[in-house]
Structures are given as structure tokens and as C-alpha cells.
Amino acid sequence: MSGTLVGVVDCLHTSGAVPLLVDRQQNVFVNVYDFMQRHVTVGNAALHASNFGSGGTGFDYHDGANPAGENAWAVFRFLASASSIRTTDFYVLIQWAENSAIGASPGDPGSFENGTFTDGIGIMMAYREDGGDPWNGTTNANGADTKGTPVWTGTGLHVMSEYNETGARSADKEDLSLLLDTSSSTSVRFHCCGDADGMWFARDGGFGNSISGTLDQVAYLGVYIPRAGLAVSSPYIFGSNVISVLPASQSMVTGDASGHIGTDASQGVYAYRVHKLTFAEQLQQPEDIGNGLEYVDLPLYVSSLAVNESMNKGFIGSLSPDIIRLAYGPANGSANAAFTRAFLGDSATAADYKFSLAWGGGAGPNLAPDRDGLVF
């Protein structure tokens, strides 16, 4: 991939340190905002628009000098000029809510996964085929911007998740996928890492589950690498729960909260499912073997789901091995000697696959003592 790798990882949030759920929810949102700002600092992205939220005065933690209020949001433009593989900018919107439902002023219009959730930290992605600006709101980036209705507009517009393409949310292009809901959990670790072309988000704990040392969600946003012989005009993809491709898991990525572009961009965004790897498919993947570990590229197998399924079934490519791969053999929660890769998964069993994730914190995962985590 391209651009500069940045991360805000291993952020620890506990009810012991922060008793109120609303404050923990807000603090995780600040982690995501800080991660996006790291992209701005290194030249991967630019802050495009922002709103401090209801009663907010900045993007600090709940106990900071200028905390972010409910339904605070920000839009970041990921620059084609920072990339060596794409020719269009793409845009990412992040937003949070807890006591007020998502989409309440000043975060309106907005929703989470077609109204399935009312609170949490969410994300959405948009771009236009001509590379133009799809944002339909003000762009002062001063904490007082407003969204337009619809949120995104323009010729050749595509917005992920797929809920923005068809159905009730398509008119306002308002629907965010849920990255994290701290829910009633007593603790959570949250991670964000990526470069100018792709980024992953992961959590340990959430939806009522405390920290277990294993991940319960991994999301990916950005471009993918089309397989040889497949021409894709805009290889953008968002996966709301790519952890379910691990062989140890029995579930599949549920498509509507995700999305990807067809081989012909005019087909628009549609939902997809990715089944878990079979043994035969594992053997078909490129491998490097060293130090007793086996690594495989994380493949994207699209199966039947949407109206375009007859044109878009099968193996379409893989996520960038620079950002995320699968690893067989390492201990869960370990890292390589240089701390450039961390190995995390949904199983503590060494024999099960883990994600090999881009990392740069100078220490392994699950060690940081506070909400700031490791920043690089």
C-alpha cells in the first residue's frame, strides 16, 4: 500500500477508571478521531468538516478541557496524492452517540446499520468516480459544520455501507456501520491502524463482553487488491466484521453493513458475504514460511447476496498483506521482534489462525495501561 503507516492502538477503557458508560463511549470516539488526525499529520488525509457535537467544545476526552459532545462527527478526505495505487480521493465520516440517539442534532441526518443500533461509534465511506468532492455539507472544519441532506451527493457517487445504496437509508445517504458499542462492558481494548489506502479497527470487549484477550470484531476500510485477471475500476471495500473469515469461526460477514464496488463501478455498492477458508483454499493462497510461522493473504470470496450476484460471485482478490494477513502458529496477543506486526484473533488456541496486523507501537498488544494506548 502507500502513504505512511499510523496507529492508535491498545487503548484501554475500564469502568473502574471511568464509571459512566457515556464517558467511556465518548473516550473511544476520541481514540478514533485522534487516529484520523494522525493521518492528517503525516499527509495521508485532510480534515474536511467537523462538528463538536451537542454541548461540545472540541475533540478532547470527556474530562478534557474541550470535550466532544454527543453526536460529534468529523469528515476526513484521504488524498489520492498520498497514494501510489489510486486516482480518486475517498472520504471517511466518524460519529458517536450514547444518551442521545445517533442522528440527533447536530449529527443529523444519521443512523446505525439501518436503525439496528441507536448508540455507539460509527464510520462510513464515500467517493465519486470522477474524484470530486461528494460531501454535501459545509467545510469550515471548525467544529461548527453542518451536514447536508442527503449527506453525500454527486455524479458517480458510492457510499458504504450498502444500506446507503438501497432501502430506507438511501435517500439521505446517512447510514454508518458500527465500529464499537461499549454497551454494558466493564472494559474494552480498542485498536486503529492503517495507511493512506487502508485501515483496520479491532476491539476486545464490547456489546456487554469484557476483555478476554481475544478479538470480537475486526473491521477494514479502504482498497483491496483485485486478483490477477480481474479488472476493477474502483477496488474500494468496507467490511464491518472481517473477523468471521477466520477458519475457527462458523459465521460469515453479513453484507448489508459492509459493501464493495462491483467490477463495473456503475453497478454501485452492494453487500457481500465472505465465507470462512476451507483447507483447500488455504493451500491455494501465497505463503511465506519462516520462523515456524505460515502466512496467507486474507482473501475476499464474494458469495450470493445482492441483485448483482450473478455478475459478482467468486474470488475477487485480497486485502493488502502490508495491513492485514492471516497467520498460523503465533500465540494470541504476541508480536514480532521489531513490533511491526501483532498477532491477534478470536481464539486463544495457538493452532488457530490469527490476524497478522500492521503494528508500530514499540511494544506488543494488551500491555498499555490507559486509554491513550500506543500512538505511532
Protein backbone atom coordinates (compact mmCIF):
# COMPACT_ATOMS: atom_id res chain seq x y z
CA MET A 1 0.00 0.00 0.00
CA SER A 2 1.12 3.60 0.22
CA GLY A 3 1.38 6.64 2.42
CA THR A 4 2.62 6.48 6.00
CA LEU A 5 1.53 3.85 8.49
CA VAL A 6 -0.02 5.34 11.65
CA GLY A 7 -1.84 3.87 14.60
CA VAL A 8 -3.64 4.49 17.86
CA VAL A 9 -3.69 1.01 19.35
CA ASP A 10 -4.13 -0.87 22.61
CA CYS A 11 -6.41 1.79 24.11
CA LEU A 12 -7.74 0.51 27.45
CA HIS A 13 -11.11 1.73 28.76
CA THR A 14 -12.44 0.41 32.08
CA SER A 15 -15.45 1.14 34.25
CA GLY A 16 -13.11 1.34 37.23
CA ALA A 17 -11.32 4.33 35.72
CA VAL A 18 -14.41 5.83 34.05
CA PRO A 19 -17.66 4.70 35.72
CA LEU A 20 -20.15 6.31 33.31
CA LEU A 21 -20.87 4.43 30.11
CA VAL A 22 -21.46 7.63 28.16
CA ASP A 23 -17.97 8.83 29.08
CA ARG A 24 -16.31 5.56 28.02
CA GLN A 25 -18.20 5.67 24.72
CA GLN A 26 -17.06 9.25 24.13
CA ASN A 27 -13.47 8.42 25.02
CA VAL A 28 -13.28 5.62 22.43
CA PHE A 29 -14.63 8.05 19.82
CA VAL A 30 -11.75 10.37 20.70
CA ASN A 31 -9.32 7.49 20.03
CA VAL A 32 -10.82 7.10 16.54
CA TYR A 33 -10.68 10.87 15.96
CA ASP A 34 -7.05 11.01 17.10
CA PHE A 35 -6.23 8.14 14.73
CA MET A 36 -7.75 10.08 11.83
CA GLN A 37 -5.81 13.17 12.85
CA ARG A 38 -2.61 11.13 12.76
CA HIS A 39 -3.34 10.60 9.05
CA VAL A 40 -3.64 14.37 8.65
CA THR A 41 -0.33 14.95 10.44
CA VAL A 42 1.63 12.62 8.14
CA GLY A 43 -0.08 13.75 4.92
CA ASN A 44 -2.35 10.79 4.25
CA ALA A 45 -5.54 12.81 4.71
CA ALA A 46 -7.04 16.24 5.36
CA LEU A 47 -9.75 17.27 7.82
CA HIS A 48 -12.70 18.22 5.61
CA ALA A 49 -15.54 19.06 8.01
CA SER A 50 -16.28 18.73 11.71
CA ASN A 51 -18.82 19.34 14.45
CA PHE A 52 -18.04 19.27 18.17
CA GLY A 53 -21.44 17.76 18.98
CA SER A 54 -24.18 18.78 21.36
CA GLY A 55 -22.60 20.93 24.08
CA GLY A 56 -19.11 20.02 22.87
CA THR A 57 -16.23 22.46 22.52
CA GLY A 58 -13.57 20.27 20.92
CA PHE A 59 -12.45 16.68 20.45
CA ASP A 60 -10.97 16.01 23.90
CA TYR A 61 -11.86 13.15 26.25
CA HIS A 62 -14.92 13.64 28.45
CA ASP A 63 -12.75 15.13 31.23
CA GLY A 64 -10.54 17.21 28.94
CA ALA A 65 -10.54 20.97 28.55
CA ASN A 66 -12.65 20.84 25.36
CA PRO A 67 -14.63 17.59 25.26
CA ALA A 68 -16.56 16.24 22.30
CA GLY A 69 -20.33 16.35 22.76
CA GLU A 70 -22.92 13.78 21.76
CA ASN A 71 -23.28 13.28 18.01
CA ALA A 72 -19.89 14.89 17.40
CA TRP A 73 -18.63 13.98 13.95
CA ALA A 74 -15.76 14.63 11.56
CA VAL A 75 -15.08 14.01 7.87
CA PHE A 76 -11.61 13.21 6.56
CA ARG A 77 -10.52 13.26 2.93
CA PHE A 78 -7.98 10.56 2.11
CA LEU A 79 -5.78 12.03 -0.57
CA ALA A 80 -5.13 10.38 -3.90
CA SER A 81 -1.91 12.39 -3.94
CA ALA A 82 -0.71 10.35 -0.95
CA SER A 83 -1.32 7.09 -2.79
CA SER A 84 0.60 5.25 -5.45
CA ILE A 85 -2.29 2.93 -6.34
CA ARG A 86 -5.50 5.01 -6.55
CA THR A 87 -6.52 8.05 -8.55
CA THR A 88 -9.54 9.25 -6.55
CA ASP A 89 -9.90 10.67 -3.07
CA PHE A 90 -12.15 8.85 -0.66
CA TYR A 91 -13.92 10.31 2.35
CA VAL A 92 -14.49 8.89 5.82
CA LEU A 93 -17.06 10.13 8.34
CA ILE A 94 -16.92 9.17 12.03
CA GLN A 95 -19.63 9.91 14.62
CA TRP A 96 -20.72 8.85 18.11
CA ALA A 97 -23.78 8.88 20.37
CA GLU A 98 -24.89 7.36 23.67
CA ASN A 99 -27.65 9.08 25.66
CA SER A 100 -28.92 10.83 22.55
CA ALA A 101 -29.77 8.59 19.61
CA ILE A 102 -27.43 8.67 16.64
CA GLY A 103 -28.57 11.26 14.15
CA ALA A 104 -29.86 13.71 16.74
CA SER A 105 -28.78 17.33 16.17
CA PRO A 106 -26.08 18.31 15.28
CA GLY A 107 -25.39 14.86 13.82
CA ASP A 108 -28.43 14.75 11.60
CA PRO A 109 -29.14 13.00 9.36
CA GLY A 110 -27.57 9.80 10.65
CA SER A 111 -28.30 6.19 11.58
CA PHE A 112 -26.51 3.00 12.57
CA GLU A 113 -26.88 -0.09 10.37
CA ASN A 114 -30.39 0.63 9.11
CA GLY A 115 -31.62 1.58 12.58
CA THR A 116 -30.45 -1.64 14.25
CA PHE A 117 -28.50 0.36 16.86
CA THR A 118 -29.06 3.79 18.39
CA ASP A 119 -25.69 4.43 20.04
CA GLY A 120 -22.01 3.67 19.66
CA ILE A 121 -19.11 4.80 17.47
CA GLY A 122 -19.74 4.58 13.74
CA ILE A 123 -18.00 5.04 10.42
CA MET A 124 -18.91 5.40 6.75
CA MET A 125 -17.00 5.81 3.49
CA ALA A 126 -17.85 7.69 0.28
CA TYR A 127 -16.23 8.54 -3.03
CA ARG A 128 -17.10 9.73 -6.52
CA GLU A 129 -15.90 8.05 -9.68
CA ASP A 130 -14.65 11.37 -11.06
CA GLY A 131 -12.64 12.07 -7.91
CA GLY A 132 -14.82 15.04 -6.99
CA ASP A 133 -15.99 16.02 -3.53
CA PRO A 134 -19.11 14.03 -2.53
CA TRP A 135 -19.65 15.86 0.79
CA ASN A 136 -22.91 17.80 0.80
CA GLY A 137 -22.32 19.88 3.93
CA THR A 138 -20.25 22.87 4.96
CA THR A 139 -16.46 22.55 5.02
CA ASN A 140 -15.14 25.04 7.55
CA ALA A 141 -13.61 22.23 9.65
CA ASN A 142 -14.06 24.42 12.73
CA GLY A 143 -16.33 22.26 14.86
CA ALA A 144 -19.49 24.01 13.69
CA ASP A 145 -20.09 22.44 10.27
CA THR A 146 -23.47 21.05 9.27
CA LYS A 147 -24.42 18.03 7.23
CA GLY A 148 -26.47 18.33 4.08
CA THR A 149 -29.49 16.23 3.22
CA PRO A 150 -28.51 13.88 1.68
CA VAL A 151 -25.17 13.64 3.47
CA TRP A 152 -23.34 12.76 0.24
CA THR A 153 -24.19 13.67 -3.35
CA GLY A 154 -22.81 13.90 -6.88
CA THR A 155 -22.44 12.02 -10.13
CA GLY A 156 -20.84 8.60 -9.78
CA LEU A 157 -21.38 8.63 -6.00
CA HIS A 158 -20.86 5.46 -3.95
CA VAL A 159 -21.40 5.27 -0.19
CA MET A 160 -20.65 2.33 2.09
CA SER A 161 -22.28 0.57 3.89
CA GLU A 162 -24.65 -0.99 1.36
CA TYR A 163 -27.61 0.30 3.37
CA ASN A 164 -26.89 3.65 1.71
CA GLU A 165 -27.41 2.16 -1.74
CA THR A 166 -30.95 0.82 -1.43
CA GLY A 167 -33.82 0.99 1.03
CA ALA A 168 -34.87 3.50 3.66
CA ARG A 169 -31.41 4.98 4.26
CA SER A 170 -30.54 5.50 0.61
CA ALA A 171 -32.41 8.80 0.24
CA ASP A 172 -30.31 10.61 2.86
CA LYS A 173 -27.09 8.56 2.42
CA GLU A 174 -26.85 8.65 6.21
CA ASP A 175 -26.06 5.15 7.43
CA LEU A 176 -22.91 4.38 9.44
CA SER A 177 -21.52 0.97 10.29
CA LEU A 178 -20.88 0.31 13.95
CA LEU A 179 -17.21 0.10 14.94
CA LEU A 180 -17.82 -0.22 18.66
CA ASP A 181 -20.56 -0.01 21.26
CA THR A 182 -19.11 -0.19 24.75
CA SER A 183 -22.57 -1.27 25.93
CA SER A 184 -22.51 -2.57 29.49
CA SER A 185 -18.99 -3.95 29.27
CA THR A 186 -16.75 -3.22 32.22
CA SER A 187 -13.68 -2.89 29.99
CA VAL A 188 -12.60 -2.79 26.37
CA ARG A 189 -9.40 -2.51 24.35
CA PHE A 190 -9.64 -0.75 21.01
CA HIS A 191 -7.17 -0.53 18.12
CA CYS A 192 -6.89 1.54 14.90
CA CYS A 193 -4.06 1.22 12.38
CA GLY A 194 -3.51 1.92 8.68
CA ASP A 195 -2.00 3.96 5.88
CA ALA A 196 -3.28 6.15 3.05
CA ASP A 197 -5.05 3.27 1.31
CA GLY A 198 -6.47 1.04 4.00
CA MET A 199 -7.08 0.78 7.72
CA TRP A 200 -8.21 -1.79 10.27
CA PHE A 201 -10.12 -1.38 13.50
CA ALA A 202 -10.39 -4.04 16.20
CA ARG A 203 -11.91 -4.45 19.63
CA ASP A 204 -11.58 -6.80 22.56
CA GLY A 205 -14.77 -6.40 24.58
CA GLY A 206 -17.97 -4.60 23.69
CA PHE A 207 -21.67 -5.42 23.39
CA GLY A 208 -21.65 -6.47 27.03
CA ASN A 209 -18.44 -8.52 26.88
CA SER A 210 -15.38 -7.69 28.96
CA ILE A 211 -11.79 -8.08 27.83
CA SER A 212 -10.94 -11.73 27.16
CA GLY A 213 -7.58 -11.42 25.40
CA THR A 214 -9.21 -12.24 22.06
CA LEU A 215 -10.84 -10.03 19.45
CA ASP A 216 -14.59 -9.94 18.94
CA GLN A 217 -14.55 -7.65 15.90
CA VAL A 218 -12.18 -6.55 13.17
CA ALA A 219 -13.27 -4.07 10.51
CA TYR A 220 -11.45 -2.99 7.36
CA LEU A 221 -11.92 0.10 5.19
CA GLY A 222 -10.07 1.11 2.03
CA VAL A 223 -8.90 -0.53 -1.17
CA TYR A 224 -8.30 -4.19 -1.89
CA ILE A 225 -6.00 -5.91 -4.37
CA PRO A 226 -8.00 -7.46 -7.24
CA ARG A 227 -6.99 -10.95 -8.23
CA ALA A 228 -4.95 -11.43 -11.40
CA GLY A 229 -7.11 -11.13 -14.49
CA LEU A 230 -9.92 -9.21 -12.79
CA ALA A 231 -10.28 -5.59 -13.88
CA VAL A 232 -11.91 -3.47 -11.18
CA SER A 233 -12.28 0.24 -11.82
CA SER A 234 -12.68 1.19 -8.16
CA PRO A 235 -11.48 -1.54 -5.78
CA TYR A 236 -12.91 0.03 -2.62
CA ILE A 237 -14.32 -2.13 0.13
CA PHE A 238 -15.65 -1.85 3.67
CA GLY A 239 -16.03 -4.93 5.85
CA SER A 240 -17.82 -4.44 9.14
CA ASN A 241 -16.78 -7.81 10.60
CA VAL A 242 -13.97 -9.45 8.65
CA ILE A 243 -13.01 -11.48 11.71
CA SER A 244 -15.56 -14.05 10.59
CA VAL A 245 -13.35 -15.25 7.73
CA LEU A 246 -11.09 -16.96 10.23
CA PRO A 247 -11.34 -20.73 9.89
CA ALA A 248 -12.18 -21.09 13.58
CA SER A 249 -15.36 -19.08 13.05
CA GLN A 250 -18.60 -20.54 11.76
CA SER A 251 -20.24 -17.28 10.72
CA MET A 252 -19.89 -15.13 7.61
CA VAL A 253 -19.54 -11.43 7.00
CA THR A 254 -23.06 -10.05 6.92
CA GLY A 255 -23.26 -7.91 3.87
CA ASP A 256 -25.63 -5.00 4.35
CA ALA A 257 -23.48 -3.33 7.00
CA SER A 258 -20.49 -3.72 4.67
CA GLY A 259 -20.11 -3.11 0.97
CA HIS A 260 -17.87 -3.18 -2.06
CA ILE A 261 -17.79 -1.87 -5.61
CA GLY A 262 -18.52 -4.21 -8.49
CA THR A 263 -16.12 -4.78 -11.34
CA ASP A 264 -18.06 -2.05 -13.14
CA ALA A 265 -18.47 0.93 -10.84
CA SER A 266 -21.82 1.75 -12.45
CA GLN A 267 -23.22 -1.31 -10.67
CA GLY A 268 -22.85 0.65 -7.44
CA VAL A 269 -22.21 -0.59 -3.95
CA TYR A 270 -23.69 -3.88 -2.90
CA ALA A 271 -23.50 -6.15 0.07
CA TYR A 272 -21.24 -9.16 0.18
CA ARG A 273 -20.52 -12.23 2.23
CA VAL A 274 -17.18 -13.89 2.74
CA HIS A 275 -17.17 -17.50 3.83
CA LYS A 276 -14.54 -18.98 6.12
CA LEU A 277 -11.49 -20.53 4.49
CA THR A 278 -11.56 -24.20 3.66
CA PHE A 279 -8.39 -26.27 3.89
CA ALA A 280 -8.17 -26.41 0.08
CA GLU A 281 -8.43 -22.64 -0.16
CA GLN A 282 -5.73 -22.20 2.44
CA LEU A 283 -3.39 -24.32 0.32
CA GLN A 284 -4.14 -22.17 -2.75
CA GLN A 285 -3.00 -18.96 -1.10
CA PRO A 286 0.51 -17.50 -1.43
CA GLU A 287 2.65 -18.44 1.52
CA ASP A 288 5.88 -17.36 3.13
CA ILE A 289 7.23 -19.66 5.74
CA GLY A 290 9.79 -18.50 8.23
CA ASN A 291 10.47 -18.93 11.93
CA GLY A 292 7.93 -21.74 12.00
CA LEU A 293 5.05 -19.45 11.01
CA GLU A 294 2.83 -19.66 7.96
CA TYR A 295 1.28 -16.52 6.49
CA VAL A 296 -1.51 -16.28 3.94
CA ASP A 297 -3.12 -13.31 2.26
CA LEU A 298 -6.62 -12.62 3.51
CA PRO A 299 -8.87 -13.49 0.56
CA LEU A 300 -12.19 -11.96 -0.43
CA TYR A 301 -14.66 -14.58 -1.57
CA VAL A 302 -17.92 -12.93 -2.57
CA SER A 303 -20.96 -15.19 -2.45
CA SER A 304 -24.63 -14.77 -3.36
CA LEU A 305 -26.41 -11.92 -1.63
CA ALA A 306 -27.40 -8.95 -3.75
CA VAL A 307 -29.12 -8.19 -7.05
CA ASN A 308 -25.79 -8.13 -8.88
CA GLU A 309 -24.75 -11.51 -7.54
CA SER A 310 -24.75 -13.20 -10.95
CA MET A 311 -22.02 -10.81 -12.09
CA ASN A 312 -20.08 -10.71 -8.85
CA LYS A 313 -19.56 -14.14 -7.34
CA GLY A 314 -16.32 -15.86 -6.52
CA PHE A 315 -12.80 -14.87 -5.54
CA ILE A 316 -12.27 -11.16 -6.22
CA GLY A 317 -8.93 -10.53 -4.54
CA SER A 318 -7.39 -9.96 -1.14
CA LEU A 319 -6.69 -7.31 1.42
CA SER A 320 -3.23 -5.78 1.42
CA PRO A 321 -0.69 -8.00 3.19
CA ASP A 322 1.00 -4.78 4.33
CA ILE A 323 -2.02 -4.08 6.53
CA ILE A 324 -3.68 -7.38 7.36
CA ARG A 325 -2.90 -11.05 6.71
CA LEU A 326 -3.68 -14.36 8.33
CA ALA A 327 -1.04 -16.14 10.39
CA TYR A 328 -0.95 -19.74 11.56
CA GLY A 329 1.08 -20.60 14.62
CA PRO A 330 1.77 -17.45 16.66
CA ALA A 331 0.46 -17.03 20.16
CA ASN A 332 -2.54 -14.77 20.53
CA GLY A 333 -1.51 -11.29 21.64
CA SER A 334 2.11 -11.70 20.57
CA ALA A 335 4.21 -9.55 18.22
CA ASN A 336 7.32 -9.94 16.11
CA ALA A 337 10.67 -8.82 17.47
CA ALA A 338 10.53 -5.43 15.74
CA PHE A 339 6.91 -4.81 16.83
CA THR A 340 5.92 -4.17 13.21
CA ARG A 341 3.29 -6.94 13.32
CA ALA A 342 0.88 -8.01 16.05
CA PHE A 343 -0.92 -11.36 16.10
CA LEU A 344 -4.48 -11.17 17.37
CA GLY A 345 -7.53 -13.33 16.79
CA ASP A 346 -10.83 -14.60 18.08
CA SER A 347 -9.26 -17.70 19.63
CA ALA A 348 -6.54 -18.10 22.25
CA THR A 349 -5.60 -21.51 20.83
CA ALA A 350 -2.18 -21.37 19.14
CA ALA A 351 -3.26 -23.80 16.44
CA ASP A 352 -6.00 -21.45 15.20
CA TYR A 353 -5.42 -18.68 12.70
CA LYS A 354 -4.71 -15.16 13.93
CA PHE A 355 -4.66 -11.88 12.11
CA SER A 356 -1.17 -10.63 11.32
CA LEU A 357 -1.82 -6.90 11.70
CA ALA A 358 0.36 -3.91 10.87
CA TRP A 359 1.67 -2.55 14.15
CA GLY A 360 4.20 0.05 15.20
CA GLY A 361 3.70 0.81 18.83
CA GLY A 362 7.15 -0.17 20.10
CA ALA A 363 5.56 -2.84 22.32
CA GLY A 364 3.24 -5.78 21.88
CA PRO A 365 -0.55 -5.67 22.31
CA ASN A 366 -2.55 -5.90 25.55
CA LEU A 367 0.05 -4.06 27.60
CA ALA A 368 -0.85 -0.35 27.52
CA PRO A 369 -2.20 0.75 30.91
CA ASP A 370 -4.61 3.51 29.90
CA ARG A 371 -7.00 5.00 27.34
CA ASP A 372 -4.25 6.71 25.32
CA GLY A 373 -2.80 3.35 24.29
CA LEU A 374 0.18 3.39 21.95
CA VAL A 375 0.41 6.10 19.29
CA PHE A 376 2.68 6.00 16.26
